[in-house]
Amino acid sequence: MAEPLLDGWSEPEQTIARAAFETAYGRAIIQLIEAVRQRSDSLSSAQGLWDLHDFLSIERHTMEGRFDFRIEGILFVFASLVKDDLLQLDELNGLTADKLSKIAAMARF
């Protein structure tokens, strides 16, 4: 079953947005895996293990909050992802000029 169209978003725009969102999520996961590898390489105690657990719990909470594909905040999500180099503006080409300019402006702050 296809997802319902987002208000104010054409079907092609929604496809572009979903693909960009998934690309950024994949990049964030790769970064997280690398961070976990670096931390696990230096594990030498039970406390280090529990610290790694705490780190992962915080990162999971952060990721679940950040990667929320709801129309109410999707432009803010994209701006944050652009600002953090998880997404490039050109990966959103095909969105309206208005949406792109809002994302670019918000990413500067």
N, C-alpha and C. Protein backbone atom coordinates (compact mmCIF):
# COMPACT_ATOMS: atom_id res chain seq x y z
N MET A 1 0.83 -1.17 0.00
CA MET A 1 0.00 0.00 0.00
C MET A 1 0.88 1.24 0.00
N ALA A 2 0.63 2.18 -0.88
CA ALA A 2 1.41 3.40 -1.00
C ALA A 2 1.10 4.33 0.17
N GLU A 3 2.12 5.11 0.54
CA GLU A 3 1.91 6.10 1.59
C GLU A 3 1.00 7.20 1.07
N PRO A 4 0.19 7.79 1.94
CA PRO A 4 -0.64 8.91 1.49
C PRO A 4 0.25 10.11 1.16
N LEU A 5 -0.22 10.94 0.23
CA LEU A 5 0.55 12.13 -0.12
C LEU A 5 0.58 13.11 1.04
N LEU A 6 1.72 13.74 1.22
CA LEU A 6 1.87 14.75 2.25
C LEU A 6 1.19 16.03 1.78
N ASP A 7 0.54 16.74 2.67
CA ASP A 7 -0.10 18.00 2.31
C ASP A 7 0.92 18.96 1.73
N GLY A 8 0.59 19.52 0.56
CA GLY A 8 1.47 20.49 -0.07
C GLY A 8 2.67 19.89 -0.79
N TRP A 9 2.68 18.59 -0.91
CA TRP A 9 3.80 17.89 -1.56
C TRP A 9 3.25 17.05 -2.70
N SER A 10 3.82 17.25 -3.88
CA SER A 10 3.42 16.42 -5.02
C SER A 10 3.99 15.02 -4.84
N GLU A 11 3.49 14.10 -5.62
CA GLU A 11 4.00 12.72 -5.54
C GLU A 11 5.50 12.66 -5.86
N PRO A 12 5.98 13.34 -6.92
CA PRO A 12 7.43 13.32 -7.18
C PRO A 12 8.24 13.95 -6.03
N GLU A 13 7.71 15.02 -5.45
CA GLU A 13 8.42 15.64 -4.32
C GLU A 13 8.48 14.69 -3.13
N GLN A 14 7.41 13.99 -2.88
CA GLN A 14 7.40 13.05 -1.77
C GLN A 14 8.42 11.94 -2.01
N THR A 15 8.52 11.48 -3.23
CA THR A 15 9.50 10.43 -3.57
C THR A 15 10.92 10.94 -3.35
N ILE A 16 11.19 12.17 -3.79
CA ILE A 16 12.51 12.78 -3.60
C ILE A 16 12.80 12.93 -2.11
N ALA A 17 11.83 13.43 -1.37
CA ALA A 17 12.01 13.65 0.06
C ALA A 17 12.28 12.34 0.78
N ARG A 18 11.53 11.31 0.47
CA ARG A 18 11.72 10.01 1.13
C ARG A 18 13.10 9.44 0.81
N ALA A 19 13.52 9.53 -0.45
CA ALA A 19 14.84 9.02 -0.85
C ALA A 19 15.96 9.78 -0.14
N ALA A 20 15.84 11.11 -0.07
CA ALA A 20 16.85 11.92 0.61
C ALA A 20 16.89 11.58 2.10
N PHE A 21 15.74 11.43 2.68
CA PHE A 21 15.62 11.08 4.10
C PHE A 21 16.33 9.74 4.37
N GLU A 22 16.04 8.75 3.55
CA GLU A 22 16.65 7.43 3.72
C GLU A 22 18.17 7.47 3.50
N THR A 23 18.62 8.29 2.54
CA THR A 23 20.06 8.45 2.30
C THR A 23 20.74 9.03 3.52
N ALA A 24 20.16 10.09 4.08
CA ALA A 24 20.74 10.72 5.26
C ALA A 24 20.73 9.76 6.45
N TYR A 25 19.66 9.01 6.61
CA TYR A 25 19.59 8.03 7.70
C TYR A 25 20.70 6.99 7.56
N GLY A 26 20.91 6.52 6.34
CA GLY A 26 21.98 5.55 6.10
C GLY A 26 23.34 6.12 6.45
N ARG A 27 23.57 7.37 6.10
CA ARG A 27 24.85 8.01 6.44
C ARG A 27 25.01 8.15 7.95
N ALA A 28 23.94 8.50 8.64
CA ALA A 28 24.01 8.63 10.09
C ALA A 28 24.31 7.29 10.74
N ILE A 29 23.72 6.23 10.23
CA ILE A 29 23.99 4.89 10.76
C ILE A 29 25.44 4.50 10.54
N ILE A 30 25.98 4.80 9.36
CA ILE A 30 27.39 4.50 9.08
C ILE A 30 28.29 5.25 10.07
N GLN A 31 27.99 6.52 10.32
CA GLN A 31 28.77 7.30 11.29
C GLN A 31 28.67 6.68 12.69
N LEU A 32 27.48 6.26 13.07
CA LEU A 32 27.29 5.66 14.38
C LEU A 32 28.06 4.35 14.50
N ILE A 33 28.01 3.54 13.48
CA ILE A 33 28.76 2.27 13.49
C ILE A 33 30.24 2.54 13.66
N GLU A 34 30.76 3.54 12.97
CA GLU A 34 32.18 3.88 13.09
C GLU A 34 32.50 4.34 14.52
N ALA A 35 31.63 5.15 15.10
CA ALA A 35 31.84 5.61 16.47
C ALA A 35 31.84 4.43 17.45
N VAL A 36 30.93 3.49 17.23
CA VAL A 36 30.87 2.30 18.09
C VAL A 36 32.13 1.47 17.93
N ARG A 37 32.60 1.32 16.71
CA ARG A 37 33.85 0.57 16.47
C ARG A 37 35.02 1.21 17.21
N GLN A 38 35.12 2.51 17.12
CA GLN A 38 36.22 3.21 17.80
C GLN A 38 36.13 3.03 19.30
N ARG A 39 34.94 3.16 19.83
CA ARG A 39 34.76 3.00 21.28
C ARG A 39 35.01 1.56 21.72
N SER A 40 34.56 0.61 20.92
CA SER A 40 34.71 -0.79 21.33
C SER A 40 36.15 -1.26 21.23
N ASP A 41 36.93 -0.64 20.36
CA ASP A 41 38.35 -1.00 20.25
C ASP A 41 39.11 -0.71 21.54
N SER A 42 38.62 0.23 22.32
CA SER A 42 39.33 0.59 23.55
C SER A 42 38.66 0.04 24.81
N LEU A 43 37.70 -0.85 24.64
CA LEU A 43 37.04 -1.44 25.80
C LEU A 43 38.03 -2.29 26.60
N SER A 44 38.05 -2.05 27.90
CA SER A 44 38.96 -2.85 28.73
C SER A 44 38.38 -3.15 30.11
N SER A 45 37.13 -2.73 30.31
CA SER A 45 36.54 -2.96 31.63
C SER A 45 35.02 -3.05 31.52
N ALA A 46 34.42 -3.50 32.59
CA ALA A 46 32.96 -3.55 32.64
C ALA A 46 32.40 -2.14 32.53
N GLN A 47 33.04 -1.17 33.19
CA GLN A 47 32.56 0.20 33.13
C GLN A 47 32.58 0.72 31.69
N GLY A 48 33.61 0.37 30.94
CA GLY A 48 33.67 0.77 29.53
C GLY A 48 32.52 0.18 28.74
N LEU A 49 32.17 -1.04 29.06
CA LEU A 49 31.04 -1.70 28.40
C LEU A 49 29.73 -1.00 28.73
N TRP A 50 29.53 -0.64 29.99
CA TRP A 50 28.30 0.05 30.38
C TRP A 50 28.27 1.46 29.78
N ASP A 51 29.42 2.09 29.68
CA ASP A 51 29.48 3.41 29.03
C ASP A 51 29.09 3.30 27.56
N LEU A 52 29.53 2.23 26.90
CA LEU A 52 29.15 2.01 25.51
C LEU A 52 27.64 1.80 25.40
N HIS A 53 27.09 1.04 26.33
CA HIS A 53 25.64 0.83 26.35
C HIS A 53 24.91 2.17 26.50
N ASP A 54 25.37 3.00 27.43
CA ASP A 54 24.75 4.30 27.64
C ASP A 54 24.85 5.16 26.39
N PHE A 55 26.02 5.15 25.76
CA PHE A 55 26.23 5.90 24.52
C PHE A 55 25.22 5.46 23.46
N LEU A 56 25.07 4.16 23.28
CA LEU A 56 24.13 3.64 22.29
C LEU A 56 22.68 4.00 22.63
N SER A 57 22.34 3.96 23.89
CA SER A 57 20.98 4.33 24.30
C SER A 57 20.70 5.79 23.96
N ILE A 58 21.65 6.66 24.24
CA ILE A 58 21.48 8.09 23.92
C ILE A 58 21.40 8.29 22.42
N GLU A 59 22.27 7.62 21.68
CA GLU A 59 22.26 7.76 20.22
C GLU A 59 20.96 7.24 19.62
N ARG A 60 20.45 6.17 20.15
CA ARG A 60 19.18 5.64 19.63
C ARG A 60 18.06 6.65 19.86
N HIS A 61 18.02 7.21 21.05
CA HIS A 61 17.00 8.22 21.37
C HIS A 61 17.14 9.43 20.44
N THR A 62 18.36 9.86 20.23
CA THR A 62 18.63 11.00 19.35
C THR A 62 18.21 10.69 17.92
N MET A 63 18.58 9.54 17.42
CA MET A 63 18.25 9.15 16.04
C MET A 63 16.74 9.04 15.87
N GLU A 64 16.06 8.42 16.82
CA GLU A 64 14.61 8.26 16.69
C GLU A 64 13.91 9.61 16.69
N GLY A 65 14.42 10.56 17.46
CA GLY A 65 13.83 11.89 17.47
C GLY A 65 14.17 12.69 16.23
N ARG A 66 15.38 12.53 15.74
CA ARG A 66 15.84 13.31 14.60
C ARG A 66 15.24 12.81 13.29
N PHE A 67 15.17 11.54 13.10
CA PHE A 67 14.70 10.98 11.84
C PHE A 67 13.21 10.67 11.93
N ASP A 68 12.45 11.74 11.89
CA ASP A 68 11.00 11.68 11.99
C ASP A 68 10.42 12.25 10.70
N PHE A 69 9.86 11.41 9.87
CA PHE A 69 9.37 11.82 8.55
C PHE A 69 7.90 12.22 8.65
N ARG A 70 7.66 13.32 9.33
CA ARG A 70 6.30 13.88 9.40
C ARG A 70 6.32 15.26 8.76
N ILE A 71 5.30 15.57 8.03
CA ILE A 71 5.23 16.80 7.25
C ILE A 71 5.40 18.05 8.13
N GLU A 72 4.90 18.01 9.35
CA GLU A 72 4.93 19.19 10.20
C GLU A 72 6.34 19.72 10.39
N GLY A 73 7.32 18.85 10.39
CA GLY A 73 8.67 19.31 10.67
C GLY A 73 9.72 18.87 9.67
N ILE A 74 9.30 18.34 8.53
CA ILE A 74 10.26 17.74 7.61
C ILE A 74 11.26 18.75 7.06
N LEU A 75 10.85 20.00 6.85
CA LEU A 75 11.81 21.00 6.36
C LEU A 75 12.88 21.27 7.41
N PHE A 76 12.49 21.29 8.69
CA PHE A 76 13.46 21.45 9.77
C PHE A 76 14.41 20.26 9.83
N VAL A 77 13.87 19.07 9.65
CA VAL A 77 14.69 17.86 9.64
C VAL A 77 15.71 17.95 8.52
N PHE A 78 15.26 18.30 7.33
CA PHE A 78 16.18 18.41 6.20
C PHE A 78 17.24 19.47 6.46
N ALA A 79 16.85 20.61 7.02
CA ALA A 79 17.83 21.68 7.31
C ALA A 79 18.89 21.18 8.29
N SER A 80 18.46 20.46 9.31
CA SER A 80 19.40 19.91 10.28
C SER A 80 20.35 18.91 9.64
N LEU A 81 19.82 18.08 8.76
CA LEU A 81 20.64 17.08 8.08
C LEU A 81 21.64 17.73 7.13
N VAL A 82 21.22 18.80 6.46
CA VAL A 82 22.13 19.54 5.58
C VAL A 82 23.22 20.20 6.42
N LYS A 83 22.82 20.82 7.51
CA LYS A 83 23.78 21.51 8.38
C LYS A 83 24.84 20.54 8.91
N ASP A 84 24.43 19.32 9.19
CA ASP A 84 25.35 18.32 9.75
C ASP A 84 26.01 17.45 8.69
N ASP A 85 25.92 17.86 7.43
CA ASP A 85 26.56 17.17 6.30
C ASP A 85 26.11 15.72 6.12
N LEU A 86 24.90 15.43 6.54
CA LEU A 86 24.33 14.12 6.28
C LEU A 86 23.52 14.13 4.99
N LEU A 87 23.27 15.33 4.48
CA LEU A 87 22.48 15.51 3.27
C LEU A 87 22.98 16.75 2.56
N GLN A 88 23.00 16.70 1.25
CA GLN A 88 23.38 17.85 0.43
C GLN A 88 22.11 18.44 -0.18
N LEU A 89 22.09 19.75 -0.30
CA LEU A 89 20.90 20.40 -0.89
C LEU A 89 20.56 19.84 -2.26
N ASP A 90 21.58 19.53 -3.06
CA ASP A 90 21.30 19.02 -4.41
C ASP A 90 20.62 17.65 -4.39
N GLU A 91 20.66 16.96 -3.26
CA GLU A 91 19.95 15.69 -3.14
C GLU A 91 18.44 15.91 -2.95
N LEU A 92 18.08 17.18 -2.79
CA LEU A 92 16.66 17.53 -2.67
C LEU A 92 16.15 18.22 -3.92
N ASN A 93 16.98 18.25 -4.98
CA ASN A 93 16.53 18.84 -6.25
C ASN A 93 15.26 18.15 -6.70
N GLY A 94 14.31 18.98 -7.12
CA GLY A 94 13.01 18.47 -7.52
C GLY A 94 11.92 18.96 -6.57
N LEU A 95 12.35 19.40 -5.36
CA LEU A 95 11.40 20.05 -4.47
C LEU A 95 11.18 21.46 -5.00
N THR A 96 10.09 22.09 -4.61
CA THR A 96 9.83 23.44 -5.08
C THR A 96 10.94 24.38 -4.60
N ALA A 97 11.13 25.46 -5.35
CA ALA A 97 12.15 26.45 -5.00
C ALA A 97 11.90 27.01 -3.60
N ASP A 98 10.64 27.18 -3.25
CA ASP A 98 10.28 27.70 -1.93
C ASP A 98 10.77 26.75 -0.82
N LYS A 99 10.54 25.47 -0.98
CA LYS A 99 10.97 24.49 0.02
C LYS A 99 12.50 24.46 0.12
N LEU A 100 13.16 24.47 -1.04
CA LEU A 100 14.62 24.44 -1.04
C LEU A 100 15.21 25.68 -0.39
N SER A 101 14.63 26.84 -0.66
CA SER A 101 15.17 28.07 -0.06
C SER A 101 14.94 28.08 1.45
N LYS A 102 13.82 27.56 1.92
CA LYS A 102 13.57 27.47 3.36
C LYS A 102 14.58 26.54 4.02
N ILE A 103 14.83 25.40 3.41
CA ILE A 103 15.79 24.44 3.95
C ILE A 103 17.18 25.08 4.00
N ALA A 104 17.59 25.72 2.91
CA ALA A 104 18.92 26.34 2.86
C ALA A 104 19.05 27.43 3.91
N ALA A 105 18.02 28.25 4.08
CA ALA A 105 18.08 29.33 5.07
C ALA A 105 18.18 28.76 6.49
N MET A 106 17.36 27.76 6.80
CA MET A 106 17.39 27.18 8.13
C MET A 106 18.71 26.46 8.40
N ALA A 107 19.32 25.89 7.39
CA ALA A 107 20.58 25.15 7.57
C ALA A 107 21.74 26.09 7.92
N ARG A 108 21.58 27.37 7.66
CA ARG A 108 22.66 28.33 7.98
C ARG A 108 22.73 28.64 9.47
N PHE A 109 21.70 28.30 10.22
CA PHE A 109 21.67 28.65 11.64
C PHE A 109 21.99 27.48 12.53
